[in-house]
Every structure is written in C-alpha cells, then in structure tokens.
Amino acid sequence: MTREKFIPSPDGEGMVYKTGDRVMMDLSGYLYFLNRFDHQVKVGFRIELGEIETALNTCEEI
C-alpha cells in the first residue's frame, strides 16, 4: 500500500508522495487546498470518518 502512495515526480527526478489532498495551483504557483480524495479528516492527526461512524453506531444514545 505504501508503494502506491509514491509516484514519479513531474520533473522526472525521483519520486513524490501522493498525500490524498486535492489542491489547485494558481499561476504564481500558490497551492489552494480544496478537499481530500479519500474519507479522511485531519484534526492534528488523520482520522478515517468510517471509524467514527462505526464507533457512533455502537452508542445506544445516538
């Protein structure tokens, strides 16, 4: 799985890490974060939303 996250760099000089973040680059090269390709959120560390959903489904109060 880790191997899938590394792809050839656009300049052909080595590899880059595919983060899962969806960004847009403006003409000056500035990156704007848009969202994620997967179902993770980051609150200091990455969390899979499916894990939260599973935990909440075990609570009778919800």
PDB file of N, CA and C in Angstrom:
ATOM      1  N   MET A   1       0.825  -1.194   0.000  1.00  0.00           N
ATOM      2  CA  MET A   1       0.000   0.000   0.000  1.00  0.00           C
ATOM      3  C   MET A   1       0.872   1.262   0.000  1.00  0.00           C
ATOM      4  N   THR A   2       1.951   1.243   0.771  1.00  0.00           N
ATOM      5  CA  THR A   2       2.839   2.407   0.812  1.00  0.00           C
ATOM      6  C   THR A   2       3.412   2.687  -0.566  1.00  0.00           C
ATOM      7  N   ARG A   3       3.768   1.647  -1.288  1.00  0.00           N
ATOM      8  CA  ARG A   3       4.363   1.804  -2.615  1.00  0.00           C
ATOM      9  C   ARG A   3       3.416   2.550  -3.561  1.00  0.00           C
ATOM     10  N   GLU A   4       2.107   2.349  -3.393  1.00  0.00           N
ATOM     11  CA  GLU A   4       1.127   3.019  -4.244  1.00  0.00           C
ATOM     12  C   GLU A   4       1.103   4.527  -4.009  1.00  0.00           C
ATOM     13  N   LYS A   5       1.541   4.966  -2.837  1.00  0.00           N
ATOM     14  CA  LYS A   5       1.494   6.388  -2.490  1.00  0.00           C
ATOM     15  C   LYS A   5       2.651   7.171  -3.089  1.00  0.00           C
ATOM     16  N   PHE A   6       3.686   6.496  -3.595  1.00  0.00           N
ATOM     17  CA  PHE A   6       4.817   7.179  -4.199  1.00  0.00           C
ATOM     18  C   PHE A   6       4.700   7.080  -5.706  1.00  0.00           C
ATOM     19  N   ILE A   7       4.755   8.238  -6.370  1.00  0.00           N
ATOM     20  CA  ILE A   7       4.622   8.295  -7.823  1.00  0.00           C
ATOM     21  C   ILE A   7       5.817   9.067  -8.383  1.00  0.00           C
ATOM     22  N   PRO A   8       6.119   8.877  -9.668  1.00  0.00           N
ATOM     23  CA  PRO A   8       7.226   9.651 -10.262  1.00  0.00           C
ATOM     24  C   PRO A   8       6.937  11.145 -10.175  1.00  0.00           C
ATOM     25  N   SER A   9       7.971  11.919  -9.855  1.00  0.00           N
ATOM     26  CA  SER A   9       7.794  13.374  -9.766  1.00  0.00           C
ATOM     27  C   SER A   9       7.559  13.953 -11.158  1.00  0.00           C
ATOM     28  N   PRO A  10       6.830  15.066 -11.237  1.00  0.00           N
ATOM     29  CA  PRO A  10       6.536  15.671 -12.539  1.00  0.00           C
ATOM     30  C   PRO A  10       7.785  16.028 -13.341  1.00  0.00           C
ATOM     31  N   ASP A  11       8.884  16.350 -12.654  1.00  0.00           N
ATOM     32  CA  ASP A  11      10.105  16.722 -13.372  1.00  0.00           C
ATOM     33  C   ASP A  11      10.953  15.509 -13.751  1.00  0.00           C
ATOM     34  N   GLY A  12      10.481  14.300 -13.371  1.00  0.00           N
ATOM     35  CA  GLY A  12      11.209  13.078 -13.714  1.00  0.00           C
ATOM     36  C   GLY A  12      12.420  12.810 -12.845  1.00  0.00           C
ATOM     37  N   GLU A  13      12.595  13.612 -11.794  1.00  0.00           N
ATOM     38  CA  GLU A  13      13.753  13.489 -10.906  1.00  0.00           C
ATOM     39  C   GLU A  13      13.354  12.835  -9.597  1.00  0.00           C
ATOM     40  N   GLY A  14      13.098  11.558  -9.583  1.00  0.00           N
ATOM     41  CA  GLY A  14      12.792  10.859  -8.341  1.00  0.00           C
ATOM     42  C   GLY A  14      11.300  10.619  -8.159  1.00  0.00           C
ATOM     43  N   MET A  15      10.896  10.545  -6.899  1.00  0.00           N
ATOM     44  CA  MET A  15       9.524  10.204  -6.553  1.00  0.00           C
ATOM     45  C   MET A  15       8.938  11.277  -5.639  1.00  0.00           C
ATOM     46  N   VAL A  16       7.606  11.401  -5.645  1.00  0.00           N
ATOM     47  CA  VAL A  16       6.901  12.285  -4.723  1.00  0.00           C
ATOM     48  C   VAL A  16       5.828  11.477  -4.007  1.00  0.00           C
ATOM     49  N   TYR A  17       5.459  11.920  -2.820  1.00  0.00           N
ATOM     50  CA  TYR A  17       4.455  11.239  -2.015  1.00  0.00           C
ATOM     51  C   TYR A  17       3.078  11.776  -2.358  1.00  0.00           C
ATOM     52  N   LYS A  18       2.170  10.885  -2.704  1.00  0.00           N
ATOM     53  CA  LYS A  18       0.795  11.246  -3.060  1.00  0.00           C
ATOM     54  C   LYS A  18      -0.011  11.318  -1.758  1.00  0.00           C
ATOM     55  N   THR A  19      -0.367  12.519  -1.323  1.00  0.00           N
ATOM     56  CA  THR A  19      -0.951  12.722   0.001  1.00  0.00           C
ATOM     57  C   THR A  19      -2.432  12.403   0.093  1.00  0.00           C
ATOM     58  N   GLY A  20      -3.159  12.493  -1.015  1.00  0.00           N
ATOM     59  CA  GLY A  20      -4.608  12.351  -0.963  1.00  0.00           C
ATOM     60  C   GLY A  20      -5.315  13.685  -0.887  1.00  0.00           C
ATOM     61  N   ASP A  21      -4.547  14.769  -0.773  1.00  0.00           N
ATOM     62  CA  ASP A  21      -5.133  16.104  -0.761  1.00  0.00           C
ATOM     63  C   ASP A  21      -5.428  16.537  -2.190  1.00  0.00           C
ATOM     64  N   ARG A  22      -6.555  17.195  -2.393  1.00  0.00           N
ATOM     65  CA  ARG A  22      -6.900  17.759  -3.693  1.00  0.00           C
ATOM     66  C   ARG A  22      -6.603  19.249  -3.609  1.00  0.00           C
ATOM     67  N   VAL A  23      -5.716  19.735  -4.462  1.00  0.00           N
ATOM     68  CA  VAL A  23      -5.313  21.137  -4.435  1.00  0.00           C
ATOM     69  C   VAL A  23      -5.426  21.741  -5.831  1.00  0.00           C
ATOM     70  N   MET A  24      -5.398  23.058  -5.864  1.00  0.00           N
ATOM     71  CA  MET A  24      -5.394  23.792  -7.120  1.00  0.00           C
ATOM     72  C   MET A  24      -4.199  24.737  -7.066  1.00  0.00           C
ATOM     73  N   MET A  25      -3.453  24.833  -8.155  1.00  0.00           N
ATOM     74  CA  MET A  25      -2.314  25.738  -8.203  1.00  0.00           C
ATOM     75  C   MET A  25      -2.670  26.947  -9.072  1.00  0.00           C
ATOM     76  N   ASP A  26      -2.422  28.154  -8.527  1.00  0.00           N
ATOM     77  CA  ASP A  26      -2.686  29.345  -9.337  1.00  0.00           C
ATOM     78  C   ASP A  26      -1.467  29.646 -10.217  1.00  0.00           C
ATOM     79  N   LEU A  27      -1.546  30.681 -11.020  1.00  0.00           N
ATOM     80  CA  LEU A  27      -0.484  30.982 -11.977  1.00  0.00           C
ATOM     81  C   LEU A  27       0.845  31.325 -11.318  1.00  0.00           C
ATOM     82  N   SER A  28       0.801  31.799 -10.067  1.00  0.00           N
ATOM     83  CA  SER A  28       2.048  32.131  -9.368  1.00  0.00           C
ATOM     84  C   SER A  28       2.654  30.913  -8.665  1.00  0.00           C
ATOM     85  N   GLY A  29       1.961  29.766  -8.717  1.00  0.00           N
ATOM     86  CA  GLY A  29       2.478  28.556  -8.089  1.00  0.00           C
ATOM     87  C   GLY A  29       1.952  28.323  -6.690  1.00  0.00           C
ATOM     88  N   TYR A  30       1.069  29.189  -6.199  1.00  0.00           N
ATOM     89  CA  TYR A  30       0.489  29.036  -4.869  1.00  0.00           C
ATOM     90  C   TYR A  30      -0.541  27.908  -4.898  1.00  0.00           C
ATOM     91  N   LEU A  31      -0.504  27.017  -3.890  1.00  0.00           N
ATOM     92  CA  LEU A  31      -1.432  25.893  -3.810  1.00  0.00           C
ATOM     93  C   LEU A  31      -2.606  26.226  -2.903  1.00  0.00           C
ATOM     94  N   TYR A  32      -3.811  25.891  -3.337  1.00  0.00           N
ATOM     95  CA  TYR A  32      -5.027  26.074  -2.550  1.00  0.00           C
ATOM     96  C   TYR A  32      -5.600  24.697  -2.232  1.00  0.00           C
ATOM     97  N   PHE A  33      -5.766  24.403  -0.944  1.00  0.00           N
ATOM     98  CA  PHE A  33      -6.360  23.136  -0.536  1.00  0.00           C
ATOM     99  C   PHE A  33      -7.849  23.169  -0.840  1.00  0.00           C
ATOM    100  N   LEU A  34      -8.357  22.137  -1.516  1.00  0.00           N
ATOM    101  CA  LEU A  34      -9.777  22.058  -1.854  1.00  0.00           C
ATOM    102  C   LEU A  34     -10.495  21.033  -0.983  1.00  0.00           C
ATOM    103  N   ASN A  35     -10.020  19.816  -0.954  1.00  0.00           N
ATOM    104  CA  ASN A  35     -10.593  18.745  -0.145  1.00  0.00           C
ATOM    105  C   ASN A  35      -9.687  17.516  -0.241  1.00  0.00           C
ATOM    106  N   ARG A  36     -10.219  16.339   0.063  1.00  0.00           N
ATOM    107  CA  ARG A  36      -9.435  15.112   0.005  1.00  0.00           C
ATOM    108  C   ARG A  36     -10.052  14.153  -0.995  1.00  0.00           C
ATOM    109  N   PHE A  37      -9.223  13.267  -1.535  1.00  0.00           N
ATOM    110  CA  PHE A  37      -9.689  12.228  -2.440  1.00  0.00           C
ATOM    111  C   PHE A  37     -10.293  11.054  -1.668  1.00  0.00           C
ATOM    112  N   ASP A  38      -9.932  10.913  -0.398  1.00  0.00           N
ATOM    113  CA  ASP A  38     -10.434   9.810   0.415  1.00  0.00           C
ATOM    114  C   ASP A  38     -11.365  10.339   1.500  1.00  0.00           C
ATOM    115  N   HIS A  39     -11.698   9.526   2.460  1.00  0.00           N
ATOM    116  CA  HIS A  39     -12.643   9.912   3.514  1.00  0.00           C
ATOM    117  C   HIS A  39     -11.926  10.142   4.835  1.00  0.00           C
ATOM    118  N   GLN A  40     -10.826  10.877   4.796  1.00  0.00           N
ATOM    119  CA  GLN A  40     -10.084  11.209   5.998  1.00  0.00           C
ATOM    120  C   GLN A  40     -10.246  12.691   6.300  1.00  0.00           C
ATOM    121  N   VAL A  41     -10.180  13.027   7.576  1.00  0.00           N
ATOM    122  CA  VAL A  41     -10.107  14.418   8.011  1.00  0.00           C
ATOM    123  C   VAL A  41      -8.886  14.537   8.899  1.00  0.00           C
ATOM    124  N   LYS A  42      -8.392  15.743   9.068  1.00  0.00           N
ATOM    125  CA  LYS A  42      -7.218  15.947   9.900  1.00  0.00           C
ATOM    126  C   LYS A  42      -7.558  16.932  11.003  1.00  0.00           C
ATOM    127  N   VAL A  43      -7.411  16.490  12.236  1.00  0.00           N
ATOM    128  CA  VAL A  43      -7.610  17.331  13.419  1.00  0.00           C
ATOM    129  C   VAL A  43      -6.377  17.166  14.304  1.00  0.00           C
ATOM    130  N   GLY A  44      -5.236  17.578  13.771  1.00  0.00           N
ATOM    131  CA  GLY A  44      -3.963  17.332  14.443  1.00  0.00           C
ATOM    132  C   GLY A  44      -3.360  16.019  13.988  1.00  0.00           C
ATOM    133  N   PHE A  45      -4.198  15.052  13.637  1.00  0.00           N
ATOM    134  CA  PHE A  45      -3.788  13.771  13.065  1.00  0.00           C
ATOM    135  C   PHE A  45      -4.926  13.297  12.174  1.00  0.00           C
ATOM    136  N   ARG A  46      -4.648  12.374  11.294  1.00  0.00           N
ATOM    137  CA  ARG A  46      -5.661  11.926  10.338  1.00  0.00           C
ATOM    138  C   ARG A  46      -6.615  10.920  10.974  1.00  0.00           C
ATOM    139  N   ILE A  47      -7.899  11.081  10.661  1.00  0.00           N
ATOM    140  CA  ILE A  47      -8.945  10.200  11.174  1.00  0.00           C
ATOM    141  C   ILE A  47      -9.771   9.709  10.000  1.00  0.00           C
ATOM    142  N   GLU A  48     -10.044   8.417   9.976  1.00  0.00           N
ATOM    143  CA  GLU A  48     -10.948   7.857   8.974  1.00  0.00           C
ATOM    144  C   GLU A  48     -12.378   8.083   9.460  1.00  0.00           C
ATOM    145  N   LEU A  49     -13.206   8.728   8.645  1.00  0.00           N
ATOM    146  CA  LEU A  49     -14.580   9.016   9.042  1.00  0.00           C
ATOM    147  C   LEU A  49     -15.373   7.735   9.289  1.00  0.00           C
ATOM    148  N   GLY A  50     -15.054   6.663   8.578  1.00  0.00           N
ATOM    149  CA  GLY A  50     -15.725   5.383   8.782  1.00  0.00           C
ATOM    150  C   GLY A  50     -15.516   4.837  10.187  1.00  0.00           C
ATOM    151  N   GLU A  51     -14.354   5.089  10.776  1.00  0.00           N
ATOM    152  CA  GLU A  51     -14.088   4.655  12.146  1.00  0.00           C
ATOM    153  C   GLU A  51     -14.976   5.398  13.137  1.00  0.00           C
ATOM    154  N   ILE A  52     -15.174   6.683  12.905  1.00  0.00           N
ATOM    155  CA  ILE A  52     -16.056   7.472  13.774  1.00  0.00           C
ATOM    156  C   ILE A  52     -17.489   6.968  13.642  1.00  0.00           C
ATOM    157  N   GLU A  53     -17.919   6.733  12.416  1.00  0.00           N
ATOM    158  CA  GLU A  53     -19.276   6.241  12.179  1.00  0.00           C
ATOM    159  C   GLU A  53     -19.505   4.903  12.872  1.00  0.00           C
ATOM    160  N   THR A  54     -18.527   4.006  12.784  1.00  0.00           N
ATOM    161  CA  THR A  54     -18.645   2.707  13.441  1.00  0.00           C
ATOM    162  C   THR A  54     -18.757   2.868  14.957  1.00  0.00           C
ATOM    163  N   ALA A  55     -17.931   3.735  15.525  1.00  0.00           N
ATOM    164  CA  ALA A  55     -17.973   3.956  16.974  1.00  0.00           C
ATOM    165  C   ALA A  55     -19.312   4.559  17.398  1.00  0.00           C
ATOM    166  N   LEU A  56     -19.812   5.520  16.634  1.00  0.00           N
ATOM    167  CA  LEU A  56     -21.090   6.143  16.986  1.00  0.00           C
ATOM    168  C   LEU A  56     -22.253   5.164  16.868  1.00  0.00           C
ATOM    169  N   ASN A  57     -22.174   4.240  15.921  1.00  0.00           N
ATOM    170  CA  ASN A  57     -23.233   3.258  15.762  1.00  0.00           C
ATOM    171  C   ASN A  57     -23.321   2.280  16.925  1.00  0.00           C
ATOM    172  N   THR A  58     -22.287   2.204  17.744  1.00  0.00           N
ATOM    173  CA  THR A  58     -22.324   1.326  18.918  1.00  0.00           C
ATOM    174  C   THR A  58     -22.959   2.019  20.131  1.00  0.00           C
ATOM    175  N   CYS A  59     -23.196   3.321  20.053  1.00  0.00           N
ATOM    176  CA  CYS A  59     -23.782   4.079  21.154  1.00  0.00           C
ATOM    177  C   CYS A  59     -25.323   4.028  21.051  1.00  0.00           C
ATOM    178  N   GLU A  60     -25.955   3.484  22.055  1.00  0.00           N
ATOM    179  CA  GLU A  60     -27.410   3.385  22.041  1.00  0.00           C
ATOM    180  C   GLU A  60     -28.073   4.760  22.086  1.00  0.00           C
ATOM    181  N   GLU A  61     -27.407   5.757  22.673  1.00  0.00           N
ATOM    182  CA  GLU A  61     -27.976   7.085  22.806  1.00  0.00           C
ATOM    183  C   GLU A  61     -28.083   7.822  21.484  1.00  0.00           C
ATOM    184  N   ILE A  62     -27.364   7.374  20.496  1.00  0.00           N
ATOM    185  CA  ILE A  62     -27.334   8.076  19.200  1.00  0.00           C
ATOM    186  C   ILE A  62     -28.217   7.352  18.216  1.00  0.00           C
TER     187      ILE A  62
END
